[in-house]
């Protein structure tokens, strides 16, 4: 169930972290993070791309309320969302890369398809 993982953080810290990760993913196209974080980011990134496909003033304001950079929202509505116009979900891919050296956390790369 998306949005139910606490990730060992207080609510405000967790929400800020996910907003930053989603913004960075939309800005760069791919990021490297842990698997549990990537699963949470996937749900929110898919939600933002779905908002971008609607392309109304209301959806643009909803995206601006979540994504932390205005130029990323512009890129979302002008470049990213039109690529997925004929696709119903599944905009991201998670590729596992193995354990992290320091604490053996399962790492992965999440990218836009």
N, C-alpha and C. Protein backbone atom coordinates (compact mmCIF):
# COMPACT_ATOMS: atom_id res chain seq x y z
N UNK A 1 0.84 -1.18 0.00
CA UNK A 1 0.00 0.00 0.00
C UNK A 1 0.88 1.24 0.00
N UNK A 2 0.80 2.09 -1.03
CA UNK A 2 1.68 3.24 -1.10
C UNK A 2 1.37 4.27 -0.02
N UNK A 3 2.42 4.85 0.51
CA UNK A 3 2.25 5.90 1.50
C UNK A 3 2.17 5.41 2.92
N UNK A 4 2.34 4.10 3.15
CA UNK A 4 2.21 3.58 4.51
C UNK A 4 3.55 3.28 5.17
N UNK A 5 4.65 3.39 4.44
CA UNK A 5 5.96 3.13 5.02
C UNK A 5 6.42 4.37 5.79
N UNK A 6 6.91 4.15 7.00
CA UNK A 6 7.33 5.30 7.82
C UNK A 6 8.80 5.64 7.63
N UNK A 7 9.59 4.71 7.14
CA UNK A 7 11.00 4.93 6.82
C UNK A 7 11.83 5.41 8.01
N UNK A 8 11.38 5.15 9.21
CA UNK A 8 12.14 5.48 10.41
C UNK A 8 12.31 6.96 10.66
N UNK A 9 11.35 7.78 10.21
CA UNK A 9 11.47 9.23 10.33
C UNK A 9 10.15 9.83 10.81
N UNK A 10 10.21 10.98 11.46
CA UNK A 10 8.96 11.67 11.79
C UNK A 10 8.23 12.11 10.51
N UNK A 11 6.95 12.35 10.63
CA UNK A 11 6.11 12.63 9.46
C UNK A 11 6.62 13.80 8.63
N UNK A 12 6.95 14.92 9.26
CA UNK A 12 7.36 16.09 8.49
C UNK A 12 8.69 15.85 7.78
N UNK A 13 9.62 15.16 8.44
CA UNK A 13 10.91 14.86 7.81
C UNK A 13 10.72 13.91 6.63
N UNK A 14 9.87 12.89 6.82
CA UNK A 14 9.61 11.92 5.76
C UNK A 14 8.97 12.58 4.54
N UNK A 15 7.99 13.44 4.76
CA UNK A 15 7.33 14.12 3.65
C UNK A 15 8.28 15.04 2.90
N UNK A 16 9.13 15.75 3.63
CA UNK A 16 10.10 16.64 3.00
C UNK A 16 11.12 15.84 2.19
N UNK A 17 11.55 14.70 2.73
CA UNK A 17 12.50 13.87 2.02
C UNK A 17 11.89 13.33 0.72
N UNK A 18 10.65 12.87 0.77
CA UNK A 18 10.00 12.34 -0.42
C UNK A 18 9.75 13.43 -1.46
N UNK A 19 9.39 14.62 -1.01
CA UNK A 19 9.21 15.73 -1.96
C UNK A 19 10.52 16.04 -2.66
N UNK A 20 11.62 16.04 -1.91
CA UNK A 20 12.92 16.30 -2.51
C UNK A 20 13.33 15.22 -3.49
N UNK A 21 13.09 13.95 -3.14
CA UNK A 21 13.44 12.85 -4.03
C UNK A 21 12.61 12.87 -5.31
N UNK A 22 11.31 13.16 -5.19
CA UNK A 22 10.46 13.23 -6.38
C UNK A 22 10.89 14.39 -7.28
N UNK A 23 11.21 15.53 -6.68
CA UNK A 23 11.68 16.68 -7.46
C UNK A 23 12.97 16.34 -8.19
N UNK A 24 13.91 15.71 -7.49
CA UNK A 24 15.19 15.34 -8.09
C UNK A 24 15.01 14.31 -9.21
N UNK A 25 14.08 13.36 -9.01
CA UNK A 25 13.82 12.35 -10.05
C UNK A 25 13.25 13.00 -11.30
N UNK A 26 12.30 13.91 -11.14
CA UNK A 26 11.70 14.56 -12.30
C UNK A 26 12.70 15.49 -12.99
N UNK A 27 13.62 16.05 -12.21
CA UNK A 27 14.61 16.96 -12.77
C UNK A 27 15.67 16.22 -13.58
N UNK A 28 16.17 15.09 -13.05
CA UNK A 28 17.30 14.41 -13.65
C UNK A 28 16.96 13.13 -14.40
N UNK A 29 15.78 12.57 -14.17
CA UNK A 29 15.40 11.36 -14.88
C UNK A 29 15.71 10.07 -14.15
N UNK A 30 16.72 10.07 -13.28
CA UNK A 30 17.00 8.88 -12.48
C UNK A 30 17.81 9.25 -11.25
N UNK A 31 17.62 8.44 -10.18
CA UNK A 31 18.33 8.65 -8.92
C UNK A 31 18.69 7.29 -8.34
N UNK A 32 19.69 7.27 -7.46
CA UNK A 32 20.06 6.05 -6.75
C UNK A 32 19.69 6.22 -5.29
N UNK A 33 18.92 5.27 -4.75
CA UNK A 33 18.45 5.34 -3.38
C UNK A 33 18.17 3.92 -2.90
N UNK A 34 17.65 3.80 -1.68
CA UNK A 34 17.31 2.47 -1.17
C UNK A 34 16.00 1.99 -1.79
N UNK A 35 15.76 0.70 -1.72
CA UNK A 35 14.58 0.11 -2.36
C UNK A 35 13.29 0.61 -1.72
N UNK A 36 13.24 0.70 -0.39
CA UNK A 36 12.00 1.14 0.26
C UNK A 36 11.68 2.59 -0.06
N UNK A 37 12.70 3.43 -0.10
CA UNK A 37 12.47 4.82 -0.50
C UNK A 37 12.01 4.90 -1.95
N UNK A 38 12.62 4.09 -2.81
CA UNK A 38 12.27 4.11 -4.23
C UNK A 38 10.81 3.72 -4.44
N UNK A 39 10.32 2.77 -3.66
CA UNK A 39 8.92 2.35 -3.80
C UNK A 39 7.97 3.46 -3.41
N UNK A 40 8.34 4.24 -2.41
CA UNK A 40 7.51 5.39 -2.04
C UNK A 40 7.60 6.50 -3.08
N UNK A 41 8.80 6.73 -3.59
CA UNK A 41 9.00 7.77 -4.61
C UNK A 41 8.24 7.41 -5.88
N UNK A 42 8.22 6.13 -6.22
CA UNK A 42 7.52 5.69 -7.43
C UNK A 42 6.04 6.08 -7.38
N UNK A 43 5.40 5.85 -6.23
CA UNK A 43 3.97 6.17 -6.10
C UNK A 43 3.72 7.66 -6.30
N UNK A 44 4.56 8.50 -5.69
CA UNK A 44 4.34 9.95 -5.79
C UNK A 44 4.74 10.49 -7.16
N UNK A 45 5.79 9.94 -7.77
CA UNK A 45 6.19 10.40 -9.10
C UNK A 45 5.12 10.05 -10.12
N UNK A 46 4.53 8.86 -10.01
CA UNK A 46 3.44 8.49 -10.92
C UNK A 46 2.25 9.42 -10.74
N UNK A 47 2.00 9.82 -9.51
CA UNK A 47 0.90 10.75 -9.25
C UNK A 47 1.15 12.12 -9.88
N UNK A 48 2.41 12.58 -9.79
CA UNK A 48 2.75 13.88 -10.39
C UNK A 48 2.67 13.83 -11.92
N UNK A 49 3.10 12.73 -12.52
CA UNK A 49 3.03 12.62 -13.98
C UNK A 49 1.58 12.56 -14.44
N UNK A 50 0.73 11.89 -13.66
CA UNK A 50 -0.70 11.84 -13.99
C UNK A 50 -1.30 13.24 -13.91
N UNK A 51 -0.89 14.03 -12.93
CA UNK A 51 -1.34 15.43 -12.87
C UNK A 51 -0.87 16.19 -14.10
N UNK A 52 0.36 15.94 -14.54
CA UNK A 52 0.90 16.61 -15.71
C UNK A 52 0.15 16.26 -16.98
N UNK A 53 -0.39 15.06 -17.05
CA UNK A 53 -1.16 14.65 -18.23
C UNK A 53 -2.48 15.40 -18.33
N UNK A 54 -3.06 15.78 -17.18
CA UNK A 54 -4.32 16.54 -17.20
C UNK A 54 -4.11 17.94 -17.77
N UNK A 55 -3.02 18.58 -17.37
CA UNK A 55 -2.61 19.90 -17.88
C UNK A 55 -3.70 20.96 -17.74
N UNK A 56 -4.23 21.08 -16.53
CA UNK A 56 -5.15 22.15 -16.21
C UNK A 56 -4.48 23.06 -15.19
N UNK A 57 -5.07 24.22 -14.97
CA UNK A 57 -4.53 25.14 -13.98
C UNK A 57 -4.55 24.51 -12.59
N UNK A 58 -5.64 23.80 -12.29
CA UNK A 58 -5.76 23.16 -10.98
C UNK A 58 -4.67 22.09 -10.79
N UNK A 59 -4.44 21.27 -11.80
CA UNK A 59 -3.42 20.23 -11.66
C UNK A 59 -2.02 20.84 -11.58
N UNK A 60 -1.79 21.95 -12.28
CA UNK A 60 -0.50 22.63 -12.21
C UNK A 60 -0.27 23.18 -10.80
N UNK A 61 -1.30 23.72 -10.19
CA UNK A 61 -1.16 24.24 -8.81
C UNK A 61 -0.97 23.11 -7.81
N UNK A 62 -1.62 21.97 -8.03
CA UNK A 62 -1.41 20.82 -7.16
C UNK A 62 0.04 20.32 -7.26
N UNK A 63 0.57 20.29 -8.47
CA UNK A 63 1.96 19.86 -8.65
C UNK A 63 2.92 20.86 -8.01
N UNK A 64 2.64 22.16 -8.14
CA UNK A 64 3.47 23.18 -7.51
C UNK A 64 3.44 23.08 -5.99
N UNK A 65 2.34 22.59 -5.44
CA UNK A 65 2.24 22.44 -3.99
C UNK A 65 3.12 21.30 -3.50
N UNK A 66 3.44 20.34 -4.36
CA UNK A 66 4.24 19.19 -3.93
C UNK A 66 5.70 19.28 -4.39
N UNK A 67 5.91 19.58 -5.66
CA UNK A 67 7.28 19.67 -6.20
C UNK A 67 7.90 20.97 -5.74
N UNK A 68 9.19 20.94 -5.37
CA UNK A 68 9.80 22.09 -4.70
C UNK A 68 10.40 23.12 -5.65
N UNK A 69 10.48 22.84 -6.96
CA UNK A 69 11.07 23.80 -7.89
C UNK A 69 10.09 24.09 -9.02
N UNK A 70 9.93 25.38 -9.33
CA UNK A 70 8.99 25.78 -10.37
C UNK A 70 9.44 25.32 -11.75
N UNK A 71 10.74 25.36 -12.03
CA UNK A 71 11.20 24.95 -13.36
C UNK A 71 11.02 23.44 -13.58
N UNK A 72 11.02 22.65 -12.50
CA UNK A 72 10.76 21.22 -12.63
C UNK A 72 9.29 20.98 -12.97
N UNK A 73 8.39 21.79 -12.40
CA UNK A 73 6.98 21.67 -12.73
C UNK A 73 6.74 22.04 -14.19
N UNK A 74 7.42 23.07 -14.65
CA UNK A 74 7.31 23.45 -16.07
C UNK A 74 7.80 22.32 -16.96
N UNK A 75 8.93 21.71 -16.59
CA UNK A 75 9.45 20.58 -17.35
C UNK A 75 8.48 19.40 -17.31
N UNK A 76 7.86 19.17 -16.15
CA UNK A 76 6.90 18.08 -16.00
C UNK A 76 5.73 18.24 -16.97
N UNK A 77 5.18 19.44 -17.05
CA UNK A 77 4.00 19.66 -17.89
C UNK A 77 4.35 19.81 -19.37
N UNK A 78 5.55 20.32 -19.69
CA UNK A 78 5.90 20.57 -21.09
C UNK A 78 6.62 19.41 -21.76
N UNK A 79 7.45 18.66 -21.01
CA UNK A 79 8.27 17.63 -21.64
C UNK A 79 7.94 16.22 -21.16
N UNK A 80 7.85 16.02 -19.85
CA UNK A 80 7.72 14.66 -19.31
C UNK A 80 6.32 14.08 -19.55
N UNK A 81 5.28 14.79 -19.14
CA UNK A 81 3.92 14.25 -19.24
C UNK A 81 3.48 13.97 -20.67
N UNK A 82 3.79 14.81 -21.66
CA UNK A 82 3.37 14.47 -23.03
C UNK A 82 3.96 13.16 -23.57
N UNK A 83 5.14 12.75 -23.05
CA UNK A 83 5.72 11.48 -23.49
C UNK A 83 4.87 10.29 -23.08
N UNK A 84 4.13 10.43 -21.96
CA UNK A 84 3.34 9.32 -21.42
C UNK A 84 1.85 9.50 -21.69
N UNK A 85 1.49 10.28 -22.71
CA UNK A 85 0.08 10.59 -22.99
C UNK A 85 -0.75 9.34 -23.25
N UNK A 86 -0.17 8.34 -23.91
CA UNK A 86 -0.93 7.14 -24.26
C UNK A 86 -0.71 5.98 -23.28
N UNK A 87 -0.01 6.22 -22.17
CA UNK A 87 0.31 5.18 -21.21
C UNK A 87 -0.47 5.39 -19.92
N UNK A 88 -1.03 4.32 -19.37
CA UNK A 88 -1.82 4.42 -18.15
C UNK A 88 -1.04 3.89 -16.95
N UNK A 89 -0.11 4.66 -16.44
CA UNK A 89 0.65 4.27 -15.27
C UNK A 89 1.93 3.53 -15.63
N UNK A 90 2.72 3.23 -14.62
CA UNK A 90 3.98 2.53 -14.85
C UNK A 90 5.02 3.41 -15.52
N UNK A 91 5.19 4.62 -15.01
CA UNK A 91 6.10 5.57 -15.64
C UNK A 91 7.53 5.43 -15.14
N UNK A 92 7.74 4.65 -14.09
CA UNK A 92 9.08 4.53 -13.49
C UNK A 92 9.51 3.06 -13.46
N UNK A 93 10.83 2.87 -13.38
CA UNK A 93 11.42 1.54 -13.33
C UNK A 93 12.39 1.50 -12.16
N UNK A 94 12.37 0.43 -11.38
CA UNK A 94 13.29 0.24 -10.27
C UNK A 94 14.23 -0.91 -10.62
N UNK A 95 15.54 -0.64 -10.61
CA UNK A 95 16.55 -1.65 -10.91
C UNK A 95 17.42 -1.81 -9.67
N UNK A 96 17.43 -3.01 -9.08
CA UNK A 96 18.23 -3.25 -7.88
C UNK A 96 19.70 -3.36 -8.24
N UNK A 97 20.55 -2.72 -7.41
CA UNK A 97 21.99 -2.70 -7.70
C UNK A 97 22.83 -3.42 -6.66
N UNK A 98 22.24 -3.91 -5.59
CA UNK A 98 23.00 -4.64 -4.58
C UNK A 98 23.11 -3.86 -3.28
N UNK A 99 23.79 -4.43 -2.30
CA UNK A 99 23.87 -3.79 -0.98
C UNK A 99 24.83 -2.61 -0.95
N UNK A 100 24.51 -1.63 -0.08
CA UNK A 100 25.39 -0.49 0.13
C UNK A 100 26.56 -0.92 1.00
N UNK A 101 27.72 -0.33 0.76
CA UNK A 101 28.94 -0.76 1.44
C UNK A 101 28.91 -0.51 2.95
N UNK A 102 28.38 0.62 3.37
CA UNK A 102 28.45 0.99 4.78
C UNK A 102 27.55 0.18 5.69
N UNK A 103 26.27 0.03 5.32
CA UNK A 103 25.32 -0.62 6.21
C UNK A 103 24.55 -1.76 5.55
N UNK A 104 24.93 -2.13 4.35
CA UNK A 104 24.33 -3.25 3.62
C UNK A 104 22.85 -3.04 3.31
N UNK A 105 22.44 -1.78 3.19
CA UNK A 105 21.05 -1.52 2.78
C UNK A 105 20.92 -1.84 1.30
N UNK A 106 19.79 -2.42 0.91
CA UNK A 106 19.56 -2.80 -0.48
C UNK A 106 19.36 -1.53 -1.32
N UNK A 107 20.27 -1.32 -2.28
CA UNK A 107 20.23 -0.11 -3.11
C UNK A 107 19.61 -0.41 -4.46
N UNK A 108 19.13 0.67 -5.11
CA UNK A 108 18.54 0.52 -6.44
C UNK A 108 18.60 1.85 -7.17
N UNK A 109 18.34 1.78 -8.46
CA UNK A 109 18.23 2.98 -9.29
C UNK A 109 16.77 3.07 -9.72
N UNK A 110 16.15 4.23 -9.50
CA UNK A 110 14.80 4.46 -9.99
C UNK A 110 14.90 5.48 -11.11
N UNK A 111 14.25 5.15 -12.24
CA UNK A 111 14.36 6.02 -13.41
C UNK A 111 13.02 6.11 -14.13
N UNK A 112 12.86 7.17 -14.89
CA UNK A 112 11.68 7.32 -15.72
C UNK A 112 11.82 6.42 -16.94
N UNK A 113 10.76 5.71 -17.29
CA UNK A 113 10.81 4.78 -18.42
C UNK A 113 10.82 5.55 -19.72
